[in-house]
């Protein structure tokens, strides 16, 4: 993907590499909403609001939220990440950092156009090595890239790109771009209030229902990643689509479970099957329309 001319000077970047930070005690991971780990204090009224906002079977009209001048719903901030080294020089630390910043800068420009003027708030990107600190708790390489709504940060140990290529067989710059664009997708869910509403519903749902909602969240972020790519098709190169689909397939729950434990347990999925992840990424690429990213419409919940 051709992003060499993208200006990264405006990217909000924090570089924790070399800071020696040991982080907070382990907390909730960014893009993954906490499931089955205690009540979040959501009352019946909030539950009904969530259902009204999300709609029938949790269907969401993203276009109305993005384009209709609706309020951007805040998420309560639980922790502040300690200040680390900041500045655009973090983008220039190495090629992987620069590329990550270029993807984020491009995504910011793309998504800002989908919001009413001045309503899009850019996320920051935080680079760390092995261990870092986030507003959601400790950042650890084993967690993979994640989005923390508490500080609106995308957390990345760029060594993950090597793992993506070597362990998951998903090499290529577009596979890497998909990783960042997916996390930006979670930021969109935060800004529009989708993440908050789903979290409220999850706090009253069973573990199985909570997992279904989490899968829908992750698949929607995949679709949003595809929407970003569709809006920048002139920058795509031959083979990029295949790189993205390979990456989506490689990190499907069924593929990961089969490799780790030799069997697949669909009711425990939290990110979606390989087939689902590929399908929703491609839907975003094919349509370029966030309204077509309603992954909640087919979620079947117990009543």
C-alpha atoms as a PDB file:
ATOM      1  CA  UNK A   1       0.000   0.000   0.000  1.00  0.00           C
ATOM      2  CA  UNK A   2       1.441   3.359  -1.047  1.00  0.00           C
ATOM      3  CA  UNK A   3       1.500   5.654   1.973  1.00  0.00           C
ATOM      4  CA  UNK A   4       4.966   7.195   1.614  1.00  0.00           C
ATOM      5  CA  UNK A   5       3.613  10.686   1.014  1.00  0.00           C
ATOM      6  CA  UNK A   6       1.353  10.706   4.082  1.00  0.00           C
ATOM      7  CA  UNK A   7       2.294  13.476   6.523  1.00  0.00           C
ATOM      8  CA  UNK A   8       2.583  12.126  10.081  1.00  0.00           C
ATOM      9  CA  UNK A   9       3.479  15.413  11.776  1.00  0.00           C
ATOM     10  CA  UNK A  10      -0.026  15.747  13.196  1.00  0.00           C
ATOM     11  CA  UNK A  11      -0.236  12.244  14.634  1.00  0.00           C
ATOM     12  CA  UNK A  12      -0.595  12.105  18.401  1.00  0.00           C
ATOM     13  CA  UNK A  13       2.108   9.604  19.342  1.00  0.00           C
ATOM     14  CA  UNK A  14       3.504   8.409  22.630  1.00  0.00           C
ATOM     15  CA  UNK A  15       6.688   6.349  22.665  1.00  0.00           C
ATOM     16  CA  UNK A  16       7.167   4.201  25.746  1.00  0.00           C
ATOM     17  CA  UNK A  17      10.006   2.175  24.276  1.00  0.00           C
ATOM     18  CA  UNK A  18      13.073   2.377  26.429  1.00  0.00           C
ATOM     19  CA  UNK A  19      11.175   3.996  29.286  1.00  0.00           C
ATOM     20  CA  UNK A  20      11.385   0.852  31.382  1.00  0.00           C
ATOM     21  CA  UNK A  21       7.743   1.118  32.385  1.00  0.00           C
ATOM     22  CA  UNK A  22       6.407  -1.862  34.271  1.00  0.00           C
ATOM     23  CA  UNK A  23       2.803  -0.843  33.791  1.00  0.00           C
ATOM     24  CA  UNK A  24      -0.319  -1.140  35.902  1.00  0.00           C
ATOM     25  CA  UNK A  25      -1.610  -4.467  37.175  1.00  0.00           C
ATOM     26  CA  UNK A  26      -3.259  -6.402  34.385  1.00  0.00           C
ATOM     27  CA  UNK A  27      -6.530  -4.802  33.301  1.00  0.00           C
ATOM     28  CA  UNK A  28      -9.046  -4.982  30.504  1.00  0.00           C
ATOM     29  CA  UNK A  29      -7.571  -5.086  27.008  1.00  0.00           C
ATOM     30  CA  UNK A  30      -8.453  -2.257  24.675  1.00  0.00           C
ATOM     31  CA  UNK A  31     -10.498  -3.636  21.816  1.00  0.00           C
ATOM     32  CA  UNK A  32     -11.770  -6.523  23.909  1.00  0.00           C
ATOM     33  CA  UNK A  33     -14.614  -5.610  26.237  1.00  0.00           C
ATOM     34  CA  UNK A  34     -14.403  -7.375  29.610  1.00  0.00           C
ATOM     35  CA  UNK A  35     -16.638 -10.433  29.768  1.00  0.00           C
ATOM     36  CA  UNK A  36     -17.704 -12.392  32.798  1.00  0.00           C
ATOM     37  CA  UNK A  37     -15.511 -10.489  35.227  1.00  0.00           C
ATOM     38  CA  UNK A  38     -18.073  -8.834  37.489  1.00  0.00           C
ATOM     39  CA  UNK A  39     -20.913  -6.381  37.153  1.00  0.00           C
ATOM     40  CA  UNK A  40     -20.402  -2.977  35.649  1.00  0.00           C
ATOM     41  CA  UNK A  41     -23.386  -1.503  37.519  1.00  0.00           C
ATOM     42  CA  UNK A  42     -25.707  -1.102  34.562  1.00  0.00           C
ATOM     43  CA  UNK A  43     -29.368  -0.625  35.558  1.00  0.00           C
ATOM     44  CA  UNK A  44     -32.499  -1.622  33.730  1.00  0.00           C
ATOM     45  CA  UNK A  45     -32.982   1.870  32.276  1.00  0.00           C
ATOM     46  CA  UNK A  46     -29.515   1.835  30.763  1.00  0.00           C
ATOM     47  CA  UNK A  47     -30.208  -1.613  29.371  1.00  0.00           C
ATOM     48  CA  UNK A  48     -33.366  -0.338  27.682  1.00  0.00           C
ATOM     49  CA  UNK A  49     -31.487   2.663  26.312  1.00  0.00           C
ATOM     50  CA  UNK A  50     -28.891   0.303  24.889  1.00  0.00           C
ATOM     51  CA  UNK A  51     -31.585  -1.713  23.162  1.00  0.00           C
ATOM     52  CA  UNK A  52     -33.252   1.400  21.753  1.00  0.00           C
ATOM     53  CA  UNK A  53     -29.976   2.842  20.483  1.00  0.00           C
ATOM     54  CA  UNK A  54     -28.745  -0.426  19.049  1.00  0.00           C
ATOM     55  CA  UNK A  55     -32.176  -1.266  17.633  1.00  0.00           C
ATOM     56  CA  UNK A  56     -33.873  -4.506  16.663  1.00  0.00           C
ATOM     57  CA  UNK A  57     -31.558  -7.423  17.347  1.00  0.00           C
ATOM     58  CA  UNK A  58     -28.944  -4.761  18.114  1.00  0.00           C
ATOM     59  CA  UNK A  59     -28.914  -3.394  14.557  1.00  0.00           C
ATOM     60  CA  UNK A  60     -27.098  -0.051  14.391  1.00  0.00           C
ATOM     61  CA  UNK A  61     -27.580   2.742  11.863  1.00  0.00           C
ATOM     62  CA  UNK A  62     -24.008   3.989  11.882  1.00  0.00           C
ATOM     63  CA  UNK A  63     -24.694   6.471   9.126  1.00  0.00           C
ATOM     64  CA  UNK A  64     -27.219   8.305  11.272  1.00  0.00           C
ATOM     65  CA  UNK A  65     -24.721   8.565  14.116  1.00  0.00           C
ATOM     66  CA  UNK A  66     -21.802   9.620  11.945  1.00  0.00           C
ATOM     67  CA  UNK A  67     -23.582  11.997   9.634  1.00  0.00           C
ATOM     68  CA  UNK A  68     -26.596  13.230  11.557  1.00  0.00           C
ATOM     69  CA  UNK A  69     -24.942  15.579  14.022  1.00  0.00           C
ATOM     70  CA  UNK A  70     -25.586  13.258  16.987  1.00  0.00           C
ATOM     71  CA  UNK A  71     -23.653  13.718  20.190  1.00  0.00           C
ATOM     72  CA  UNK A  72     -20.448  11.772  20.575  1.00  0.00           C
ATOM     73  CA  UNK A  73     -20.957   9.639  23.664  1.00  0.00           C
ATOM     74  CA  UNK A  74     -18.095   9.644  26.153  1.00  0.00           C
ATOM     75  CA  UNK A  75     -16.862   6.546  27.973  1.00  0.00           C
ATOM     76  CA  UNK A  76     -15.977   6.992  31.611  1.00  0.00           C
ATOM     77  CA  UNK A  77     -12.230   7.108  32.055  1.00  0.00           C
ATOM     78  CA  UNK A  78     -11.077   4.764  34.795  1.00  0.00           C
ATOM     79  CA  UNK A  79      -7.326   5.369  34.762  1.00  0.00           C
ATOM     80  CA  UNK A  80      -4.876   7.786  33.327  1.00  0.00           C
ATOM     81  CA  UNK A  81      -1.813   6.294  31.710  1.00  0.00           C
ATOM     82  CA  UNK A  82       1.369   7.784  33.156  1.00  0.00           C
ATOM     83  CA  UNK A  83       2.973  10.279  30.832  1.00  0.00           C
ATOM     84  CA  UNK A  84       5.593   8.788  28.566  1.00  0.00           C
ATOM     85  CA  UNK A  85       7.848  10.279  25.936  1.00  0.00           C
ATOM     86  CA  UNK A  86       5.796  12.126  23.374  1.00  0.00           C
ATOM     87  CA  UNK A  87       6.390  13.739  20.037  1.00  0.00           C
ATOM     88  CA  UNK A  88       6.327  12.914  16.355  1.00  0.00           C
ATOM     89  CA  UNK A  89       9.880  11.553  16.573  1.00  0.00           C
ATOM     90  CA  UNK A  90       8.273   8.318  17.787  1.00  0.00           C
ATOM     91  CA  UNK A  91       6.958   7.844  14.263  1.00  0.00           C
ATOM     92  CA  UNK A  92      10.500   8.048  12.902  1.00  0.00           C
ATOM     93  CA  UNK A  93      12.038   5.473  15.262  1.00  0.00           C
ATOM     94  CA  UNK A  94      11.957   2.747  12.613  1.00  0.00           C
ATOM     95  CA  UNK A  95      10.175   1.755   9.422  1.00  0.00           C
ATOM     96  CA  UNK A  96       7.414  -0.114  11.249  1.00  0.00           C
ATOM     97  CA  UNK A  97       6.663   2.886  13.447  1.00  0.00           C
ATOM     98  CA  UNK A  98       6.590   5.247  10.492  1.00  0.00           C
ATOM     99  CA  UNK A  99       4.256   3.012   8.529  1.00  0.00           C
ATOM    100  CA  UNK A 100       1.936   2.648  11.527  1.00  0.00           C
ATOM    101  CA  UNK A 101       1.761   6.423  11.881  1.00  0.00           C
ATOM    102  CA  UNK A 102       1.091   6.805   8.168  1.00  0.00           C
ATOM    103  CA  UNK A 103      -1.824   4.359   8.371  1.00  0.00           C
ATOM    104  CA  UNK A 104      -3.242   6.195  11.371  1.00  0.00           C
ATOM    105  CA  UNK A 105      -2.846   9.593   9.700  1.00  0.00           C
ATOM    106  CA  UNK A 106      -4.649   8.300   6.618  1.00  0.00           C
ATOM    107  CA  UNK A 107      -7.408   6.725   8.715  1.00  0.00           C
ATOM    108  CA  UNK A 108      -7.857   9.946  10.688  1.00  0.00           C
ATOM    109  CA  UNK A 109      -8.247  11.942   7.495  1.00  0.00           C
ATOM    110  CA  UNK A 110     -10.726   9.429   6.109  1.00  0.00           C
ATOM    111  CA  UNK A 111     -12.928   9.119   9.175  1.00  0.00           C
ATOM    112  CA  UNK A 112     -12.948  12.845   9.945  1.00  0.00           C
ATOM    113  CA  UNK A 113     -14.940  13.279   6.740  1.00  0.00           C
ATOM    114  CA  UNK A 114     -17.622  10.902   8.022  1.00  0.00           C
ATOM    115  CA  UNK A 115     -18.317  12.991  11.126  1.00  0.00           C
ATOM    116  CA  UNK A 116     -19.888  16.443  11.401  1.00  0.00           C
ATOM    117  CA  UNK A 117     -17.179  19.127  11.211  1.00  0.00           C
ATOM    118  CA  UNK A 118     -15.021  19.199  14.315  1.00  0.00           C
ATOM    119  CA  UNK A 119     -16.639  16.128  15.885  1.00  0.00           C
ATOM    120  CA  UNK A 120     -13.975  13.554  15.082  1.00  0.00           C
ATOM    121  CA  UNK A 121     -11.387  13.238  17.828  1.00  0.00           C
ATOM    122  CA  UNK A 122      -8.170  11.595  16.700  1.00  0.00           C
ATOM    123  CA  UNK A 123      -6.859   8.667  18.740  1.00  0.00           C
ATOM    124  CA  UNK A 124      -3.250   8.537  19.830  1.00  0.00           C
ATOM    125  CA  UNK A 125      -0.875   5.727  18.987  1.00  0.00           C
ATOM    126  CA  UNK A 126       1.365   4.365  21.725  1.00  0.00           C
ATOM    127  CA  UNK A 127       4.458   2.355  20.915  1.00  0.00           C
ATOM    128  CA  UNK A 128       5.934   0.102  23.567  1.00  0.00           C
ATOM    129  CA  UNK A 129       8.326  -2.826  23.742  1.00  0.00           C
ATOM    130  CA  UNK A 130       7.312  -6.007  25.577  1.00  0.00           C
ATOM    131  CA  UNK A 131       5.640  -4.124  28.446  1.00  0.00           C
ATOM    132  CA  UNK A 132       3.946  -0.755  28.575  1.00  0.00           C
ATOM    133  CA  UNK A 133       1.275   1.240  30.363  1.00  0.00           C
ATOM    134  CA  UNK A 134      -2.223   2.156  29.273  1.00  0.00           C
ATOM    135  CA  UNK A 135      -5.303   3.709  30.787  1.00  0.00           C
ATOM    136  CA  UNK A 136      -6.837   0.213  30.700  1.00  0.00           C
ATOM    137  CA  UNK A 137      -4.015  -1.438  32.625  1.00  0.00           C
ATOM    138  CA  UNK A 138      -0.796  -3.089  31.601  1.00  0.00           C
ATOM    139  CA  UNK A 139       0.149  -3.296  27.935  1.00  0.00           C
ATOM    140  CA  UNK A 140       1.904  -6.553  27.175  1.00  0.00           C
ATOM    141  CA  UNK A 141       3.135  -7.906  23.871  1.00  0.00           C
ATOM    142  CA  UNK A 142       1.244 -11.153  24.383  1.00  0.00           C
ATOM    143  CA  UNK A 143      -2.021  -9.192  24.197  1.00  0.00           C
ATOM    144  CA  UNK A 144      -1.349  -8.081  20.638  1.00  0.00           C
ATOM    145  CA  UNK A 145      -2.376  -4.632  19.387  1.00  0.00           C
ATOM    146  CA  UNK A 146      -5.360  -3.171  21.230  1.00  0.00           C
ATOM    147  CA  UNK A 147      -7.456  -0.057  21.665  1.00  0.00           C
ATOM    148  CA  UNK A 148      -7.987   1.451  25.113  1.00  0.00           C
ATOM    149  CA  UNK A 149     -11.143   3.591  25.331  1.00  0.00           C
ATOM    150  CA  UNK A 150     -10.064   5.077  28.679  1.00  0.00           C
ATOM    151  CA  UNK A 151      -7.318   7.122  27.011  1.00  0.00           C
ATOM    152  CA  UNK A 152      -8.362   6.683  23.366  1.00  0.00           C
ATOM    153  CA  UNK A 153      -5.059   5.071  22.561  1.00  0.00           C
ATOM    154  CA  UNK A 154      -4.018   2.411  20.063  1.00  0.00           C
ATOM    155  CA  UNK A 155      -1.299   0.332  21.713  1.00  0.00           C
ATOM    156  CA  UNK A 156       1.246  -1.474  19.590  1.00  0.00           C
ATOM    157  CA  UNK A 157       4.471  -3.356  20.028  1.00  0.00           C
ATOM    158  CA  UNK A 158       5.661  -3.248  16.417  1.00  0.00           C
ATOM    159  CA  UNK A 159       7.348  -6.630  16.886  1.00  0.00           C
ATOM    160  CA  UNK A 160       3.827  -7.938  16.344  1.00  0.00           C
ATOM    161  CA  UNK A 161       4.266  -7.349  12.632  1.00  0.00           C
ATOM    162  CA  UNK A 162       7.022  -9.957  12.602  1.00  0.00           C
ATOM    163  CA  UNK A 163       4.778 -12.362  14.486  1.00  0.00           C
ATOM    164  CA  UNK A 164       1.968 -11.678  12.048  1.00  0.00           C
ATOM    165  CA  UNK A 165       4.251 -12.702   9.216  1.00  0.00           C
ATOM    166  CA  UNK A 166       6.175 -15.566  10.788  1.00  0.00           C
ATOM    167  CA  UNK A 167       3.633 -17.135  13.125  1.00  0.00           C
ATOM    168  CA  UNK A 168       0.419 -16.402  11.273  1.00  0.00           C
ATOM    169  CA  UNK A 169       1.723 -16.434   7.701  1.00  0.00           C
ATOM    170  CA  UNK A 170       0.236 -13.024   6.992  1.00  0.00           C
ATOM    171  CA  UNK A 171       3.071 -10.938   5.607  1.00  0.00           C
ATOM    172  CA  UNK A 172       2.770  -7.665   3.739  1.00  0.00           C
ATOM    173  CA  UNK A 173       2.212  -3.985   4.377  1.00  0.00           C
ATOM    174  CA  UNK A 174      -1.544  -4.183   3.888  1.00  0.00           C
ATOM    175  CA  UNK A 175      -1.789  -6.915   6.514  1.00  0.00           C
ATOM    176  CA  UNK A 176      -0.039  -4.505   8.873  1.00  0.00           C
ATOM    177  CA  UNK A 177      -2.289  -1.643   7.834  1.00  0.00           C
ATOM    178  CA  UNK A 178      -5.329  -3.808   8.547  1.00  0.00           C
ATOM    179  CA  UNK A 179      -4.115  -4.198  12.144  1.00  0.00           C
ATOM    180  CA  UNK A 180      -4.061  -0.429  12.723  1.00  0.00           C
ATOM    181  CA  UNK A 181      -7.260   0.212  10.776  1.00  0.00           C
ATOM    182  CA  UNK A 182      -9.077  -2.419  12.853  1.00  0.00           C
ATOM    183  CA  UNK A 183      -8.099  -0.639  16.075  1.00  0.00           C
ATOM    184  CA  UNK A 184      -9.225   2.676  14.594  1.00  0.00           C
ATOM    185  CA  UNK A 185     -12.511   0.886  13.990  1.00  0.00           C
ATOM    186  CA  UNK A 186     -12.811   0.356  17.741  1.00  0.00           C
ATOM    187  CA  UNK A 187     -12.156   4.070  18.191  1.00  0.00           C
ATOM    188  CA  UNK A 188     -15.065   4.813  15.864  1.00  0.00           C
ATOM    189  CA  UNK A 189     -17.239   2.553  18.008  1.00  0.00           C
ATOM    190  CA  UNK A 190     -16.151   4.516  21.063  1.00  0.00           C
ATOM    191  CA  UNK A 191     -16.830   7.916  19.504  1.00  0.00           C
ATOM    192  CA  UNK A 192     -20.286   6.949  18.241  1.00  0.00           C
ATOM    193  CA  UNK A 193     -21.294   5.382  21.559  1.00  0.00           C
ATOM    194  CA  UNK A 194     -21.648   1.893  20.130  1.00  0.00           C
ATOM    195  CA  UNK A 195     -18.951   0.493  22.438  1.00  0.00           C
ATOM    196  CA  UNK A 196     -20.533   2.022  25.521  1.00  0.00           C
ATOM    197  CA  UNK A 197     -23.993   0.713  24.688  1.00  0.00           C
ATOM    198  CA  UNK A 198     -22.732  -2.778  23.942  1.00  0.00           C
ATOM    199  CA  UNK A 199     -20.696  -2.813  27.151  1.00  0.00           C
ATOM    200  CA  UNK A 200     -23.783  -1.872  29.132  1.00  0.00           C
ATOM    201  CA  UNK A 201     -25.752  -4.687  27.550  1.00  0.00           C
ATOM    202  CA  UNK A 202     -22.899  -7.153  28.114  1.00  0.00           C
ATOM    203  CA  UNK A 203     -22.860  -6.367  31.814  1.00  0.00           C
ATOM    204  CA  UNK A 204     -26.343  -7.906  32.108  1.00  0.00           C
ATOM    205  CA  UNK A 205     -25.945 -10.658  29.544  1.00  0.00           C
ATOM    206  CA  UNK A 206     -24.796 -14.227  29.980  1.00  0.00           C
ATOM    207  CA  UNK A 207     -21.247 -15.138  29.050  1.00  0.00           C
ATOM    208  CA  UNK A 208     -22.409 -16.753  25.820  1.00  0.00           C
ATOM    209  CA  UNK A 209     -24.489 -13.703  24.867  1.00  0.00           C
ATOM    210  CA  UNK A 210     -21.626 -11.422  25.832  1.00  0.00           C
ATOM    211  CA  UNK A 211     -19.335 -13.371  23.530  1.00  0.00           C
ATOM    212  CA  UNK A 212     -21.797 -13.005  20.660  1.00  0.00           C
ATOM    213  CA  UNK A 213     -21.859  -9.253  21.142  1.00  0.00           C
ATOM    214  CA  UNK A 214     -18.080  -9.143  21.357  1.00  0.00           C
ATOM    215  CA  UNK A 215     -17.789 -11.034  18.086  1.00  0.00           C
ATOM    216  CA  UNK A 216     -20.118  -8.483  16.481  1.00  0.00           C
ATOM    217  CA  UNK A 217     -17.917  -5.676  17.835  1.00  0.00           C
ATOM    218  CA  UNK A 218     -14.770  -7.205  16.367  1.00  0.00           C
ATOM    219  CA  UNK A 219     -16.349  -7.993  13.006  1.00  0.00           C
ATOM    220  CA  UNK A 220     -17.631  -4.441  12.761  1.00  0.00           C
ATOM    221  CA  UNK A 221     -14.103  -3.163  13.396  1.00  0.00           C
ATOM    222  CA  UNK A 222     -12.946  -5.437  10.566  1.00  0.00           C
ATOM    223  CA  UNK A 223     -15.608  -3.946   8.307  1.00  0.00           C
ATOM    224  CA  UNK A 224     -14.591  -0.421   9.268  1.00  0.00           C
ATOM    225  CA  UNK A 225     -11.006  -1.313   8.382  1.00  0.00           C
ATOM    226  CA  UNK A 226     -12.287  -2.316   4.966  1.00  0.00           C
ATOM    227  CA  UNK A 227     -14.212   0.954   4.646  1.00  0.00           C
ATOM    228  CA  UNK A 228     -10.998   2.884   5.246  1.00  0.00           C
ATOM    229  CA  UNK A 229      -9.206   0.841   2.575  1.00  0.00           C
ATOM    230  CA  UNK A 230     -12.088   1.362   0.136  1.00  0.00           C
ATOM    231  CA  UNK A 231     -11.838   5.127   0.593  1.00  0.00           C
ATOM    232  CA  UNK A 232      -8.145   4.877  -0.298  1.00  0.00           C
ATOM    233  CA  UNK A 233      -8.267   2.378  -3.150  1.00  0.00           C
ATOM    234  CA  UNK A 234      -5.980   4.504  -5.261  1.00  0.00           C
ATOM    235  CA  UNK A 235      -3.229   3.689  -2.767  1.00  0.00           C
ATOM    236  CA  UNK A 236      -3.737  -0.046  -2.892  1.00  0.00           C
ATOM    237  CA  UNK A 237      -1.387  -2.239  -4.894  1.00  0.00           C
ATOM    238  CA  UNK A 238      -1.809  -5.661  -6.512  1.00  0.00           C
ATOM    239  CA  UNK A 239      -1.900  -8.314  -3.820  1.00  0.00           C
ATOM    240  CA  UNK A 240      -3.019  -5.997  -1.012  1.00  0.00           C
ATOM    241  CA  UNK A 241      -6.505  -7.472  -0.833  1.00  0.00           C
ATOM    242  CA  UNK A 242      -5.094 -10.965  -0.577  1.00  0.00           C
ATOM    243  CA  UNK A 243      -2.716  -9.853   2.189  1.00  0.00           C
ATOM    244  CA  UNK A 244      -5.590  -8.441   4.194  1.00  0.00           C
ATOM    245  CA  UNK A 245      -7.766 -11.509   3.738  1.00  0.00           C
ATOM    246  CA  UNK A 246      -4.901 -13.801   4.755  1.00  0.00           C
ATOM    247  CA  UNK A 247      -4.416 -11.762   7.918  1.00  0.00           C
ATOM    248  CA  UNK A 248      -8.146 -11.842   8.721  1.00  0.00           C
ATOM    249  CA  UNK A 249      -8.200 -15.609   8.171  1.00  0.00           C
ATOM    250  CA  UNK A 250      -5.098 -16.211  10.273  1.00  0.00           C
ATOM    251  CA  UNK A 251      -6.546 -14.523  13.344  1.00  0.00           C
ATOM    252  CA  UNK A 252      -9.986 -16.119  13.177  1.00  0.00           C
ATOM    253  CA  UNK A 253     -11.021 -17.727  16.463  1.00  0.00           C
ATOM    254  CA  UNK A 254     -11.480 -21.136  14.878  1.00  0.00           C
ATOM    255  CA  UNK A 255      -8.028 -21.102  13.316  1.00  0.00           C
ATOM    256  CA  UNK A 256      -6.384 -19.976  16.558  1.00  0.00           C
ATOM    257  CA  UNK A 257      -8.322 -22.460  18.695  1.00  0.00           C
ATOM    258  CA  UNK A 258      -7.559 -25.337  16.352  1.00  0.00           C
ATOM    259  CA  UNK A 259      -3.849 -24.531  16.478  1.00  0.00           C
ATOM    260  CA  UNK A 260      -3.774 -24.063  20.259  1.00  0.00           C
ATOM    261  CA  UNK A 261      -6.036 -26.836  21.524  1.00  0.00           C
ATOM    262  CA  UNK A 262      -6.827 -29.037  18.568  1.00  0.00           C
ATOM    263  CA  UNK A 263     -10.553 -28.328  18.664  1.00  0.00           C
ATOM    264  CA  UNK A 264     -12.961 -25.482  18.000  1.00  0.00           C
ATOM    265  CA  UNK A 265     -15.493 -24.172  20.534  1.00  0.00           C
ATOM    266  CA  UNK A 266     -17.755 -21.687  18.686  1.00  0.00           C
ATOM    267  CA  UNK A 267     -19.625 -20.513  21.799  1.00  0.00           C
ATOM    268  CA  UNK A 268     -16.332 -19.226  23.198  1.00  0.00           C
ATOM    269  CA  UNK A 269     -15.497 -17.125  20.133  1.00  0.00           C
ATOM    270  CA  UNK A 270     -14.789 -13.467  20.921  1.00  0.00           C
ATOM    271  CA  UNK A 271     -13.497 -12.199  17.563  1.00  0.00           C
ATOM    272  CA  UNK A 272     -15.247 -14.291  14.934  1.00  0.00           C
ATOM    273  CA  UNK A 273     -14.358 -17.181  12.680  1.00  0.00           C
ATOM    274  CA  UNK A 274     -11.854 -16.857   9.868  1.00  0.00           C
ATOM    275  CA  UNK A 275     -14.696 -16.940   7.349  1.00  0.00           C
ATOM    276  CA  UNK A 276     -16.579 -14.178   9.172  1.00  0.00           C
ATOM    277  CA  UNK A 277     -13.560 -11.945   9.560  1.00  0.00           C
ATOM    278  CA  UNK A 278     -12.687 -12.246   5.899  1.00  0.00           C
ATOM    279  CA  UNK A 279     -16.297 -11.627   4.850  1.00  0.00           C
ATOM    280  CA  UNK A 280     -16.717  -8.443   6.887  1.00  0.00           C
ATOM    281  CA  UNK A 281     -13.354  -7.014   5.900  1.00  0.00           C
ATOM    282  CA  UNK A 282     -14.295  -7.619   2.283  1.00  0.00           C
ATOM    283  CA  UNK A 283     -17.732  -6.090   2.755  1.00  0.00           C
ATOM    284  CA  UNK A 284     -16.109  -2.882   3.929  1.00  0.00           C
ATOM    285  CA  UNK A 285     -13.712  -2.992   0.991  1.00  0.00           C
ATOM    286  CA  UNK A 286     -16.467  -3.670  -1.523  1.00  0.00           C
ATOM    287  CA  UNK A 287     -18.937  -1.055  -0.282  1.00  0.00           C
ATOM    288  CA  UNK A 288     -16.883   1.674   1.374  1.00  0.00           C
ATOM    289  CA  UNK A 289     -20.030   2.357   3.396  1.00  0.00           C
ATOM    290  CA  UNK A 290     -20.082   2.181   7.226  1.00  0.00           C
ATOM    291  CA  UNK A 291     -23.845   1.672   7.059  1.00  0.00           C
ATOM    292  CA  UNK A 292     -23.121  -1.750   5.565  1.00  0.00           C
ATOM    293  CA  UNK A 293     -21.121  -2.733   8.648  1.00  0.00           C
ATOM    294  CA  UNK A 294     -24.112  -3.638  10.818  1.00  0.00           C
ATOM    295  CA  UNK A 295     -22.751  -6.828  12.314  1.00  0.00           C
ATOM    296  CA  UNK A 296     -25.357  -6.802  15.083  1.00  0.00           C
ATOM    297  CA  UNK A 297     -28.408  -7.427  12.928  1.00  0.00           C
ATOM    298  CA  UNK A 298     -28.069 -11.208  12.970  1.00  0.00           C
ATOM    299  CA  UNK A 299     -27.032 -11.601  16.603  1.00  0.00           C
ATOM    300  CA  UNK A 300     -29.431 -14.063  18.219  1.00  0.00           C
ATOM    301  CA  UNK A 301     -29.870 -13.457  21.958  1.00  0.00           C
ATOM    302  CA  UNK A 302     -31.874 -15.374  24.518  1.00  0.00           C
ATOM    303  CA  UNK A 303     -34.939 -13.513  25.717  1.00  0.00           C
END
